[in-house]
Amino acid sequence: GELLGLSFNDTFDGFRGELAAETIESPAVVLAAGAARRTLPIPGLRE
């Protein structure tokens, strides 16, 4: 699935990963989803 967001968990000392169909709670997270945000070649966007 696609991870839509990552936030701190309100109920315990850890994290909450948000997917479209479920939420995953964990005390630790490893980010390994590759590099670089995507942008567009549109005038003014980077400026």
ModelCIF file with pLDDT and N, C-alpha, C, O atoms, coordinates in Angstrom:
data_MODEL
#
_entry.id   MODEL 
#
_entity.id                         1 
_entity.type                       polymer 
_entity.pdbx_number_of_molecules   1 
#
_entity_poly.entity_id                      1 
_entity_poly.type                           'polypeptide(L)' 
_entity_poly.nstd_linkage                   no 
_entity_poly.nstd_monomer                   no 
_entity_poly.pdbx_seq_one_letter_code       GELLGLSFNDTFDGFRGELAAETIESPAVVLAAGAARRTLPIPGLRE 
_entity_poly.pdbx_seq_one_letter_code_can   GELLGLSFNDTFDGFRGELAAETIESPAVVLAAGAARRTLPIPGLRE 
_entity_poly.pdbx_strand_id                 A 
#
loop_
_entity_poly_seq.entity_id 
_entity_poly_seq.num 
_entity_poly_seq.mon_id 
_entity_poly_seq.hetero 
1 1  GLY n 
1 2  GLU n 
1 3  LEU n 
1 4  LEU n 
1 5  GLY n 
1 6  LEU n 
1 7  SER n 
1 8  PHE n 
1 9  ASN n 
1 10 ASP n 
1 11 THR n 
1 12 PHE n 
1 13 ASP n 
1 14 GLY n 
1 15 PHE n 
1 16 ARG n 
1 17 GLY n 
1 18 GLU n 
1 19 LEU n 
1 20 ALA n 
1 21 ALA n 
1 22 GLU n 
1 23 THR n 
1 24 ILE n 
1 25 GLU n 
1 26 SER n 
1 27 PRO n 
1 28 ALA n 
1 29 VAL n 
1 30 VAL n 
1 31 LEU n 
1 32 ALA n 
1 33 ALA n 
1 34 GLY n 
1 35 ALA n 
1 36 ALA n 
1 37 ARG n 
1 38 ARG n 
1 39 THR n 
1 40 LEU n 
1 41 PRO n 
1 42 ILE n 
1 43 PRO n 
1 44 GLY n 
1 45 LEU n 
1 46 ARG n 
1 47 GLU n 
#
_struct_asym.id          A 
_struct_asym.entity_id   1 
#
loop_
_ma_qa_metric.id 
_ma_qa_metric.mode 
_ma_qa_metric.name 
_ma_qa_metric.software_group_id 
_ma_qa_metric.type 
1 global pLDDT . pLDDT 
2 local  pLDDT . pLDDT 
#
_ma_qa_metric_global.metric_id      1 
_ma_qa_metric_global.metric_value   85.87 
_ma_qa_metric_global.model_id       1 
_ma_qa_metric_global.ordinal_id     1 
#
loop_
_ma_qa_metric_local.label_asym_id 
_ma_qa_metric_local.label_comp_id 
_ma_qa_metric_local.label_seq_id 
_ma_qa_metric_local.metric_id 
_ma_qa_metric_local.metric_value 
_ma_qa_metric_local.model_id 
_ma_qa_metric_local.ordinal_id 
A GLY 1  2 90.00 1 1  
A GLU 2  2 86.00 1 2  
A LEU 3  2 88.00 1 3  
A LEU 4  2 87.00 1 4  
A GLY 5  2 87.00 1 5  
A LEU 6  2 91.00 1 6  
A SER 7  2 90.00 1 7  
A PHE 8  2 90.00 1 8  
A ASN 9  2 83.00 1 9  
A ASP 10 2 72.00 1 10 
A THR 11 2 64.00 1 11 
A PHE 12 2 64.00 1 12 
A ASP 13 2 80.00 1 13 
A GLY 14 2 92.00 1 14 
A PHE 15 2 95.00 1 15 
A ARG 16 2 93.00 1 16 
A GLY 17 2 93.00 1 17 
A GLU 18 2 90.00 1 18 
A LEU 19 2 91.00 1 19 
A ALA 20 2 85.00 1 20 
A ALA 21 2 84.00 1 21 
A GLU 22 2 91.00 1 22 
A THR 23 2 94.00 1 23 
A ILE 24 2 96.00 1 24 
A GLU 25 2 95.00 1 25 
A SER 26 2 96.00 1 26 
A PRO 27 2 96.00 1 27 
A ALA 28 2 97.00 1 28 
A VAL 29 2 97.00 1 29 
A VAL 30 2 98.00 1 30 
A LEU 31 2 96.00 1 31 
A ALA 32 2 95.00 1 32 
A ALA 33 2 88.00 1 33 
A GLY 34 2 79.00 1 34 
A ALA 35 2 65.00 1 35 
A ALA 36 2 56.00 1 36 
A ARG 37 2 56.00 1 37 
A ARG 38 2 66.00 1 38 
A THR 39 2 72.00 1 39 
A LEU 40 2 84.00 1 40 
A PRO 41 2 87.00 1 41 
A ILE 42 2 91.00 1 42 
A PRO 43 2 92.00 1 43 
A GLY 44 2 91.00 1 44 
A LEU 45 2 89.00 1 45 
A ARG 46 2 85.00 1 46 
A GLU 47 2 89.00 1 47 
#
loop_
_atom_site.group_PDB 
_atom_site.id 
_atom_site.type_symbol 
_atom_site.label_atom_id 
_atom_site.label_alt_id 
_atom_site.label_comp_id 
_atom_site.label_asym_id 
_atom_site.label_entity_id 
_atom_site.label_seq_id 
_atom_site.pdbx_PDB_ins_code 
_atom_site.Cartn_x 
_atom_site.Cartn_y 
_atom_site.Cartn_z 
_atom_site.occupancy 
_atom_site.B_iso_or_equiv 
_atom_site.pdbx_formal_charge 
_atom_site.auth_seq_id 
_atom_site.auth_comp_id 
_atom_site.auth_asym_id 
_atom_site.auth_atom_id 
_atom_site.pdbx_PDB_model_num 
ATOM 1   N N  . GLY A 1 1  ? 0.836  -1.203 0.000   1.00 90.00 ? 1  GLY A N  1 
ATOM 2   C CA . GLY A 1 1  ? 0.000  0.000  0.000   1.00 90.00 ? 1  GLY A CA 1 
ATOM 3   C C  . GLY A 1 1  ? 0.864  1.243  0.000   1.00 90.00 ? 1  GLY A C  1 
ATOM 4   O O  . GLY A 1 1  ? 2.090  1.170  0.080   1.00 90.00 ? 1  GLY A O  1 
ATOM 5   N N  . GLU A 1 2  ? 0.216  2.364  -0.090  1.00 86.00 ? 2  GLU A N  1 
ATOM 6   C CA . GLU A 1 2  ? 0.916  3.646  -0.121  1.00 86.00 ? 2  GLU A CA 1 
ATOM 7   C C  . GLU A 1 2  ? 0.849  4.306  1.248   1.00 86.00 ? 2  GLU A C  1 
ATOM 8   O O  . GLU A 1 2  ? -0.239 4.518  1.784   1.00 86.00 ? 2  GLU A O  1 
ATOM 9   N N  . LEU A 1 3  ? 2.000  4.632  1.815   1.00 88.00 ? 3  LEU A N  1 
ATOM 10  C CA . LEU A 1 3  ? 2.030  5.350  3.077   1.00 88.00 ? 3  LEU A CA 1 
ATOM 11  C C  . LEU A 1 3  ? 1.719  6.812  2.796   1.00 88.00 ? 3  LEU A C  1 
ATOM 12  O O  . LEU A 1 3  ? 2.466  7.485  2.085   1.00 88.00 ? 3  LEU A O  1 
ATOM 13  N N  . LEU A 1 4  ? 0.626  7.299  3.348   1.00 87.00 ? 4  LEU A N  1 
ATOM 14  C CA . LEU A 1 4  ? 0.165  8.656  3.064   1.00 87.00 ? 4  LEU A CA 1 
ATOM 15  C C  . LEU A 1 4  ? 0.713  9.681  4.041   1.00 87.00 ? 4  LEU A C  1 
ATOM 16  O O  . LEU A 1 4  ? 0.855  10.855 3.698   1.00 87.00 ? 4  LEU A O  1 
ATOM 17  N N  . GLY A 1 5  ? 1.023  9.247  5.255   1.00 87.00 ? 5  GLY A N  1 
ATOM 18  C CA . GLY A 1 5  ? 1.529  10.180 6.254   1.00 87.00 ? 5  GLY A CA 1 
ATOM 19  C C  . GLY A 1 5  ? 2.197  9.460  7.403   1.00 87.00 ? 5  GLY A C  1 
ATOM 20  O O  . GLY A 1 5  ? 1.931  8.287  7.662   1.00 87.00 ? 5  GLY A O  1 
ATOM 21  N N  . LEU A 1 6  ? 3.065  10.175 8.084   1.00 91.00 ? 6  LEU A N  1 
ATOM 22  C CA . LEU A 1 6  ? 3.754  9.657  9.260   1.00 91.00 ? 6  LEU A CA 1 
ATOM 23  C C  . LEU A 1 6  ? 3.679  10.716 10.339  1.00 91.00 ? 6  LEU A C  1 
ATOM 24  O O  . LEU A 1 6  ? 4.057  11.866 10.115  1.00 91.00 ? 6  LEU A O  1 
ATOM 25  N N  . SER A 1 7  ? 3.190  10.334 11.514  1.00 90.00 ? 7  SER A N  1 
ATOM 26  C CA . SER A 1 7  ? 3.015  11.305 12.594  1.00 90.00 ? 7  SER A CA 1 
ATOM 27  C C  . SER A 1 7  ? 3.335  10.653 13.923  1.00 90.00 ? 7  SER A C  1 
ATOM 28  O O  . SER A 1 7  ? 3.519  9.438  14.005  1.00 90.00 ? 7  SER A O  1 
ATOM 29  N N  . PHE A 1 8  ? 3.400  11.475 14.967  1.00 90.00 ? 8  PHE A N  1 
ATOM 30  C CA . PHE A 1 8  ? 3.603  10.939 16.305  1.00 90.00 ? 8  PHE A CA 1 
ATOM 31  C C  . PHE A 1 8  ? 2.297  10.357 16.812  1.00 90.00 ? 8  PHE A C  1 
ATOM 32  O O  . PHE A 1 8  ? 1.221  10.894 16.550  1.00 90.00 ? 8  PHE A O  1 
ATOM 33  N N  . ASN A 1 9  ? 2.399  9.257  17.537  1.00 83.00 ? 9  ASN A N  1 
ATOM 34  C CA . ASN A 1 9  ? 1.219  8.611  18.083  1.00 83.00 ? 9  ASN A CA 1 
ATOM 35  C C  . ASN A 1 9  ? 0.747  9.324  19.335  1.00 83.00 ? 9  ASN A C  1 
ATOM 36  O O  . ASN A 1 9  ? 1.549  9.638  20.214  1.00 83.00 ? 9  ASN A O  1 
ATOM 37  N N  . ASP A 1 10 ? -0.544 9.580  19.422  1.00 72.00 ? 10 ASP A N  1 
ATOM 38  C CA . ASP A 1 10 ? -1.108 10.304 20.559  1.00 72.00 ? 10 ASP A CA 1 
ATOM 39  C C  . ASP A 1 10 ? -1.237 9.439  21.810  1.00 72.00 ? 10 ASP A C  1 
ATOM 40  O O  . ASP A 1 10 ? -1.265 9.957  22.926  1.00 72.00 ? 10 ASP A O  1 
ATOM 41  N N  . THR A 1 11 ? -1.317 8.117  21.621  1.00 64.00 ? 11 THR A N  1 
ATOM 42  C CA . THR A 1 11 ? -1.612 7.245  22.754  1.00 64.00 ? 11 THR A CA 1 
ATOM 43  C C  . THR A 1 11 ? -0.390 6.611  23.398  1.00 64.00 ? 11 THR A C  1 
ATOM 44  O O  . THR A 1 11 ? -0.465 6.131  24.529  1.00 64.00 ? 11 THR A O  1 
ATOM 45  N N  . PHE A 1 12 ? 0.747  6.602  22.684  1.00 64.00 ? 12 PHE A N  1 
ATOM 46  C CA . PHE A 1 12 ? 1.958  6.072  23.297  1.00 64.00 ? 12 PHE A CA 1 
ATOM 47  C C  . PHE A 1 12 ? 3.164  6.713  22.624  1.00 64.00 ? 12 PHE A C  1 
ATOM 48  O O  . PHE A 1 12 ? 3.044  7.390  21.602  1.00 64.00 ? 12 PHE A O  1 
ATOM 49  N N  . ASP A 1 13 ? 4.315  6.486  23.216  1.00 80.00 ? 13 ASP A N  1 
ATOM 50  C CA . ASP A 1 13 ? 5.546  7.114  22.743  1.00 80.00 ? 13 ASP A CA 1 
ATOM 51  C C  . ASP A 1 13 ? 6.046  6.405  21.491  1.00 80.00 ? 13 ASP A C  1 
ATOM 52  O O  . ASP A 1 13 ? 6.828  5.458  21.574  1.00 80.00 ? 13 ASP A O  1 
ATOM 53  N N  . GLY A 1 14 ? 5.594  6.868  20.338  1.00 92.00 ? 14 GLY A N  1 
ATOM 54  C CA . GLY A 1 14 ? 5.981  6.219  19.097  1.00 92.00 ? 14 GLY A CA 1 
ATOM 55  C C  . GLY A 1 14 ? 5.404  6.934  17.898  1.00 92.00 ? 14 GLY A C  1 
ATOM 56  O O  . GLY A 1 14 ? 5.140  8.135  17.945  1.00 92.00 ? 14 GLY A O  1 
ATOM 57  N N  . PHE A 1 15 ? 5.206  6.184  16.815  1.00 95.00 ? 15 PHE A N  1 
ATOM 58  C CA . PHE A 1 15 ? 4.783  6.754  15.549  1.00 95.00 ? 15 PHE A CA 1 
ATOM 59  C C  . PHE A 1 15 ? 3.522  6.080  15.033  1.00 95.00 ? 15 PHE A C  1 
ATOM 60  O O  . PHE A 1 15 ? 3.159  4.977  15.441  1.00 95.00 ? 15 PHE A O  1 
ATOM 61  N N  . ARG A 1 16 ? 2.873  6.786  14.122  1.00 93.00 ? 16 ARG A N  1 
ATOM 62  C CA . ARG A 1 16 ? 1.687  6.242  13.468  1.00 93.00 ? 16 ARG A CA 1 
ATOM 63  C C  . ARG A 1 16 ? 1.844  6.427  11.961  1.00 93.00 ? 16 ARG A C  1 
ATOM 64  O O  . ARG A 1 16 ? 1.945  7.553  11.473  1.00 93.00 ? 16 ARG A O  1 
ATOM 65  N N  . GLY A 1 17 ? 1.862  5.320  11.233  1.00 93.00 ? 17 GLY A N  1 
ATOM 66  C CA . GLY A 1 17 ? 1.929  5.363  9.776   1.00 93.00 ? 17 GLY A CA 1 
ATOM 67  C C  . GLY A 1 17 ? 0.530  5.218  9.212   1.00 93.00 ? 17 GLY A C  1 
ATOM 68  O O  . GLY A 1 17 ? -0.184 4.273  9.549   1.00 93.00 ? 17 GLY A O  1 
ATOM 69  N N  . GLU A 1 18 ? 0.135  6.143  8.361   1.00 90.00 ? 18 GLU A N  1 
ATOM 70  C CA . GLU A 1 18 ? -1.221 6.167  7.830   1.00 90.00 ? 18 GLU A CA 1 
ATOM 71  C C  . GLU A 1 18 ? -1.259 5.663  6.393   1.00 90.00 ? 18 GLU A C  1 
ATOM 72  O O  . GLU A 1 18 ? -0.622 6.227  5.504   1.00 90.00 ? 18 GLU A O  1 
ATOM 73  N N  . LEU A 1 19 ? -2.020 4.586  6.184   1.00 91.00 ? 19 LEU A N  1 
ATOM 74  C CA . LEU A 1 19 ? -2.308 4.087  4.852   1.00 91.00 ? 19 LEU A CA 1 
ATOM 75  C C  . LEU A 1 19 ? -3.777 4.344  4.561   1.00 91.00 ? 19 LEU A C  1 
ATOM 76  O O  . LEU A 1 19 ? -4.528 4.730  5.457   1.00 91.00 ? 19 LEU A O  1 
ATOM 77  N N  . ALA A 1 20 ? -4.193 4.136  3.324   1.00 85.00 ? 20 ALA A N  1 
ATOM 78  C CA . ALA A 1 20 ? -5.580 4.393  2.971   1.00 85.00 ? 20 ALA A CA 1 
ATOM 79  C C  . ALA A 1 20 ? -6.532 3.497  3.756   1.00 85.00 ? 20 ALA A C  1 
ATOM 80  O O  . ALA A 1 20 ? -7.608 3.938  4.161   1.00 85.00 ? 20 ALA A O  1 
ATOM 81  N N  . ALA A 1 21 ? -6.144 2.246  3.972   1.00 84.00 ? 21 ALA A N  1 
ATOM 82  C CA . ALA A 1 21 ? -7.051 1.281  4.585   1.00 84.00 ? 21 ALA A CA 1 
ATOM 83  C C  . ALA A 1 21 ? -6.741 0.938  6.034   1.00 84.00 ? 21 ALA A C  1 
ATOM 84  O O  . ALA A 1 21 ? -7.559 0.299  6.696   1.00 84.00 ? 21 ALA A O  1 
ATOM 85  N N  . GLU A 1 22 ? -5.586 1.343  6.542   1.00 91.00 ? 22 GLU A N  1 
ATOM 86  C CA . GLU A 1 22 ? -5.248 1.000  7.925   1.00 91.00 ? 22 GLU A CA 1 
ATOM 87  C C  . GLU A 1 22 ? -4.176 1.935  8.477   1.00 91.00 ? 22 GLU A C  1 
ATOM 88  O O  . GLU A 1 22 ? -3.555 2.713  7.753   1.00 91.00 ? 22 GLU A O  1 
ATOM 89  N N  . THR A 1 23 ? -3.988 1.826  9.788   1.00 94.00 ? 23 THR A N  1 
ATOM 90  C CA . THR A 1 23 ? -2.960 2.597  10.485  1.00 94.00 ? 23 THR A CA 1 
ATOM 91  C C  . THR A 1 23 ? -2.024 1.624  11.189  1.00 94.00 ? 23 THR A C  1 
ATOM 92  O O  . THR A 1 23 ? -2.470 0.646  11.788  1.00 94.00 ? 23 THR A O  1 
ATOM 93  N N  . ILE A 1 24 ? -0.730 1.896  11.113  1.00 96.00 ? 24 ILE A N  1 
ATOM 94  C CA . ILE A 1 24 ? 0.263  1.034  11.752  1.00 96.00 ? 24 ILE A CA 1 
ATOM 95  C C  . ILE A 1 24 ? 0.979  1.828  12.836  1.00 96.00 ? 24 ILE A C  1 
ATOM 96  O O  . ILE A 1 24 ? 1.521  2.900  12.567  1.00 96.00 ? 24 ILE A O  1 
ATOM 97  N N  . GLU A 1 25 ? 0.983  1.311  14.049  1.00 95.00 ? 25 GLU A N  1 
ATOM 98  C CA . GLU A 1 25 ? 1.648  1.962  15.174  1.00 95.00 ? 25 GLU A CA 1 
ATOM 99  C C  . GLU A 1 25 ? 2.953  1.257  15.482  1.00 95.00 ? 25 GLU A C  1 
ATOM 100 O O  . GLU A 1 25 ? 3.027  0.028  15.457  1.00 95.00 ? 25 GLU A O  1 
ATOM 101 N N  . SER A 1 26 ? 3.988  2.043  15.776  1.00 96.00 ? 26 SER A N  1 
ATOM 102 C CA . SER A 1 26 ? 5.293  1.457  16.049  1.00 96.00 ? 26 SER A CA 1 
ATOM 103 C C  . SER A 1 26 ? 6.143  2.416  16.869  1.00 96.00 ? 26 SER A C  1 
ATOM 104 O O  . SER A 1 26 ? 6.048  3.631  16.691  1.00 96.00 ? 26 SER A O  1 
ATOM 105 N N  . PRO A 1 27 ? 6.981  1.885  17.775  1.00 96.00 ? 27 PRO A N  1 
ATOM 106 C CA . PRO A 1 27 ? 7.877  2.761  18.535  1.00 96.00 ? 27 PRO A CA 1 
ATOM 107 C C  . PRO A 1 27 ? 9.072  3.248  17.729  1.00 96.00 ? 27 PRO A C  1 
ATOM 108 O O  . PRO A 1 27 ? 9.766  4.174  18.149  1.00 96.00 ? 27 PRO A O  1 
ATOM 109 N N  . ALA A 1 28 ? 9.325  2.620  16.549  1.00 97.00 ? 28 ALA A N  1 
ATOM 110 C CA . ALA A 1 28 ? 10.491 2.987  15.749  1.00 97.00 ? 28 ALA A CA 1 
ATOM 111 C C  . ALA A 1 28 ? 10.163 2.847  14.270  1.00 97.00 ? 28 ALA A C  1 
ATOM 112 O O  . ALA A 1 28 ? 9.370  1.996  13.868  1.00 97.00 ? 28 ALA A O  1 
ATOM 113 N N  . VAL A 1 29 ? 10.790 3.697  13.474  1.00 97.00 ? 29 VAL A N  1 
ATOM 114 C CA . VAL A 1 29 ? 10.547 3.718  12.029  1.00 97.00 ? 29 VAL A CA 1 
ATOM 115 C C  . VAL A 1 29 ? 11.878 3.831  11.296  1.00 97.00 ? 29 VAL A C  1 
ATOM 116 O O  . VAL A 1 29 ? 12.771 4.563  11.721  1.00 97.00 ? 29 VAL A O  1 
ATOM 117 N N  . VAL A 1 30 ? 12.002 3.098  10.187  1.00 98.00 ? 30 VAL A N  1 
ATOM 118 C CA . VAL A 1 30 ? 13.146 3.246  9.285   1.00 98.00 ? 30 VAL A CA 1 
ATOM 119 C C  . VAL A 1 30 ? 12.630 3.747  7.942   1.00 98.00 ? 30 VAL A C  1 
ATOM 120 O O  . VAL A 1 30 ? 11.820 3.086  7.292   1.00 98.00 ? 30 VAL A O  1 
ATOM 121 N N  . LEU A 1 31 ? 13.105 4.916  7.534   1.00 96.00 ? 31 LEU A N  1 
ATOM 122 C CA . LEU A 1 31 ? 12.762 5.463  6.226   1.00 96.00 ? 31 LEU A CA 1 
ATOM 123 C C  . LEU A 1 31 ? 13.719 4.888  5.189   1.00 96.00 ? 31 LEU A C  1 
ATOM 124 O O  . LEU A 1 31 ? 14.931 5.084  5.277   1.00 96.00 ? 31 LEU A O  1 
ATOM 125 N N  . ALA A 1 32 ? 13.173 4.182  4.215   1.00 95.00 ? 32 ALA A N  1 
ATOM 126 C CA . ALA A 1 32 ? 14.013 3.603  3.162   1.00 95.00 ? 32 ALA A CA 1 
ATOM 127 C C  . ALA A 1 32 ? 13.234 3.590  1.851   1.00 95.00 ? 32 ALA A C  1 
ATOM 128 O O  . ALA A 1 32 ? 13.272 2.623  1.091   1.00 95.00 ? 32 ALA A O  1 
ATOM 129 N N  . ALA A 1 33 ? 12.527 4.695  1.610   1.00 88.00 ? 33 ALA A N  1 
ATOM 130 C CA . ALA A 1 33 ? 11.626 4.760  0.452   1.00 88.00 ? 33 ALA A CA 1 
ATOM 131 C C  . ALA A 1 33 ? 12.222 5.513  -0.725  1.00 88.00 ? 33 ALA A C  1 
ATOM 132 O O  . ALA A 1 33 ? 11.494 6.038  -1.568  1.00 88.00 ? 33 ALA A O  1 
ATOM 133 N N  . GLY A 1 34 ? 13.547 5.565  -0.780  1.00 79.00 ? 34 GLY A N  1 
ATOM 134 C CA . GLY A 1 34 ? 14.173 6.195  -1.933  1.00 79.00 ? 34 GLY A CA 1 
ATOM 135 C C  . GLY A 1 34 ? 14.394 7.684  -1.761  1.00 79.00 ? 34 GLY A C  1 
ATOM 136 O O  . GLY A 1 34 ? 14.181 8.246  -0.687  1.00 79.00 ? 34 GLY A O  1 
ATOM 137 N N  . ALA A 1 35 ? 14.828 8.311  -2.854  1.00 65.00 ? 35 ALA A N  1 
ATOM 138 C CA . ALA A 1 35 ? 15.313 9.680  -2.782  1.00 65.00 ? 35 ALA A CA 1 
ATOM 139 C C  . ALA A 1 35 ? 14.405 10.663 -3.484  1.00 65.00 ? 35 ALA A C  1 
ATOM 140 O O  . ALA A 1 35 ? 13.559 10.306 -4.305  1.00 65.00 ? 35 ALA A O  1 
ATOM 141 N N  . ALA A 1 36 ? 14.616 11.921 -3.125  1.00 56.00 ? 36 ALA A N  1 
ATOM 142 C CA . ALA A 1 36 ? 14.166 13.093 -3.872  1.00 56.00 ? 36 ALA A CA 1 
ATOM 143 C C  . ALA A 1 36 ? 12.674 13.226 -4.063  1.00 56.00 ? 36 ALA A C  1 
ATOM 144 O O  . ALA A 1 36 ? 11.996 12.329 -4.563  1.00 56.00 ? 36 ALA A O  1 
ATOM 145 N N  . ARG A 1 37 ? 12.190 14.378 -3.645  1.00 56.00 ? 37 ARG A N  1 
ATOM 146 C CA . ARG A 1 37 ? 10.800 14.744 -3.870  1.00 56.00 ? 37 ARG A CA 1 
ATOM 147 C C  . ARG A 1 37 ? 10.586 15.038 -5.355  1.00 56.00 ? 37 ARG A C  1 
ATOM 148 O O  . ARG A 1 37 ? 11.518 15.420 -6.063  1.00 56.00 ? 37 ARG A O  1 
ATOM 149 N N  . ARG A 1 38 ? 9.363  14.859 -5.810  1.00 66.00 ? 38 ARG A N  1 
ATOM 150 C CA . ARG A 1 38 ? 9.046  15.126 -7.198  1.00 66.00 ? 38 ARG A CA 1 
ATOM 151 C C  . ARG A 1 38 ? 8.525  16.546 -7.356  1.00 66.00 ? 38 ARG A C  1 
ATOM 152 O O  . ARG A 1 38 ? 7.763  17.040 -6.524  1.00 66.00 ? 38 ARG A O  1 
ATOM 153 N N  . THR A 1 39 ? 8.943  17.186 -8.423  1.00 72.00 ? 39 THR A N  1 
ATOM 154 C CA . THR A 1 39 ? 8.466  18.521 -8.720  1.00 72.00 ? 39 THR A CA 1 
ATOM 155 C C  . THR A 1 39 ? 8.055  18.558 -10.188 1.00 72.00 ? 39 THR A C  1 
ATOM 156 O O  . THR A 1 39 ? 7.979  17.515 -10.837 1.00 72.00 ? 39 THR A O  1 
ATOM 157 N N  . LEU A 1 40 ? 7.795  19.735 -10.706 1.00 84.00 ? 40 LEU A N  1 
ATOM 158 C CA . LEU A 1 40 ? 7.360  19.879 -12.091 1.00 84.00 ? 40 LEU A CA 1 
ATOM 159 C C  . LEU A 1 40 ? 8.135  21.003 -12.761 1.00 84.00 ? 40 LEU A C  1 
ATOM 160 O O  . LEU A 1 40 ? 8.507  21.969 -12.095 1.00 84.00 ? 40 LEU A O  1 
ATOM 161 N N  . PRO A 1 41 ? 8.387  20.902 -14.060 1.00 87.00 ? 41 PRO A N  1 
ATOM 162 C CA . PRO A 1 41 ? 9.100  21.968 -14.767 1.00 87.00 ? 41 PRO A CA 1 
ATOM 163 C C  . PRO A 1 41 ? 8.168  23.114 -15.150 1.00 87.00 ? 41 PRO A C  1 
ATOM 164 O O  . PRO A 1 41 ? 7.989  23.417 -16.330 1.00 87.00 ? 41 PRO A O  1 
ATOM 165 N N  . ILE A 1 42 ? 7.590  23.735 -14.156 1.00 91.00 ? 42 ILE A N  1 
ATOM 166 C CA . ILE A 1 42 ? 6.637  24.829 -14.383 1.00 91.00 ? 42 ILE A CA 1 
ATOM 167 C C  . ILE A 1 42 ? 7.290  26.144 -13.983 1.00 91.00 ? 42 ILE A C  1 
ATOM 168 O O  . ILE A 1 42 ? 7.798  26.250 -12.867 1.00 91.00 ? 42 ILE A O  1 
ATOM 169 N N  . PRO A 1 43 ? 7.295  27.135 -14.840 1.00 92.00 ? 43 PRO A N  1 
ATOM 170 C CA . PRO A 1 43 ? 7.904  28.431 -14.512 1.00 92.00 ? 43 PRO A CA 1 
ATOM 171 C C  . PRO A 1 43 ? 7.354  29.008 -13.205 1.00 92.00 ? 43 PRO A C  1 
ATOM 172 O O  . PRO A 1 43 ? 6.141  29.070 -13.006 1.00 92.00 ? 43 PRO A O  1 
ATOM 173 N N  . GLY A 1 44 ? 8.252  29.423 -12.327 1.00 91.00 ? 44 GLY A N  1 
ATOM 174 C CA . GLY A 1 44 ? 7.863  30.040 -11.067 1.00 91.00 ? 44 GLY A CA 1 
ATOM 175 C C  . GLY A 1 44 ? 7.779  29.099 -9.895  1.00 91.00 ? 44 GLY A C  1 
ATOM 176 O O  . GLY A 1 44 ? 7.784  29.539 -8.745  1.00 91.00 ? 44 GLY A O  1 
ATOM 177 N N  . LEU A 1 45 ? 7.700  27.791 -10.168 1.00 89.00 ? 45 LEU A N  1 
ATOM 178 C CA . LEU A 1 45 ? 7.507  26.839 -9.079  1.00 89.00 ? 45 LEU A CA 1 
ATOM 179 C C  . LEU A 1 45 ? 8.703  26.807 -8.143  1.00 89.00 ? 45 LEU A C  1 
ATOM 180 O O  . LEU A 1 45 ? 8.547  26.941 -6.929  1.00 89.00 ? 45 LEU A O  1 
ATOM 181 N N  . ARG A 1 46 ? 9.879  26.632 -8.691  1.00 85.00 ? 46 ARG A N  1 
ATOM 182 C CA . ARG A 1 46 ? 11.081 26.575 -7.863  1.00 85.00 ? 46 ARG A CA 1 
ATOM 183 C C  . ARG A 1 46 ? 11.405 27.937 -7.258  1.00 85.00 ? 46 ARG A C  1 
ATOM 184 O O  . ARG A 1 46 ? 11.898 28.018 -6.133  1.00 85.00 ? 46 ARG A O  1 
ATOM 185 N N  . GLU A 1 47 ? 11.130 29.002 -8.001  1.00 89.00 ? 47 GLU A N  1 
ATOM 186 C CA . GLU A 1 47 ? 11.447 30.348 -7.514  1.00 89.00 ? 47 GLU A CA 1 
ATOM 187 C C  . GLU A 1 47 ? 10.645 30.719 -6.272  1.00 89.00 ? 47 GLU A C  1 
ATOM 188 O O  . GLU A 1 47 ? 10.799 31.820 -5.743  1.00 89.00 ? 47 GLU A O  1 
#
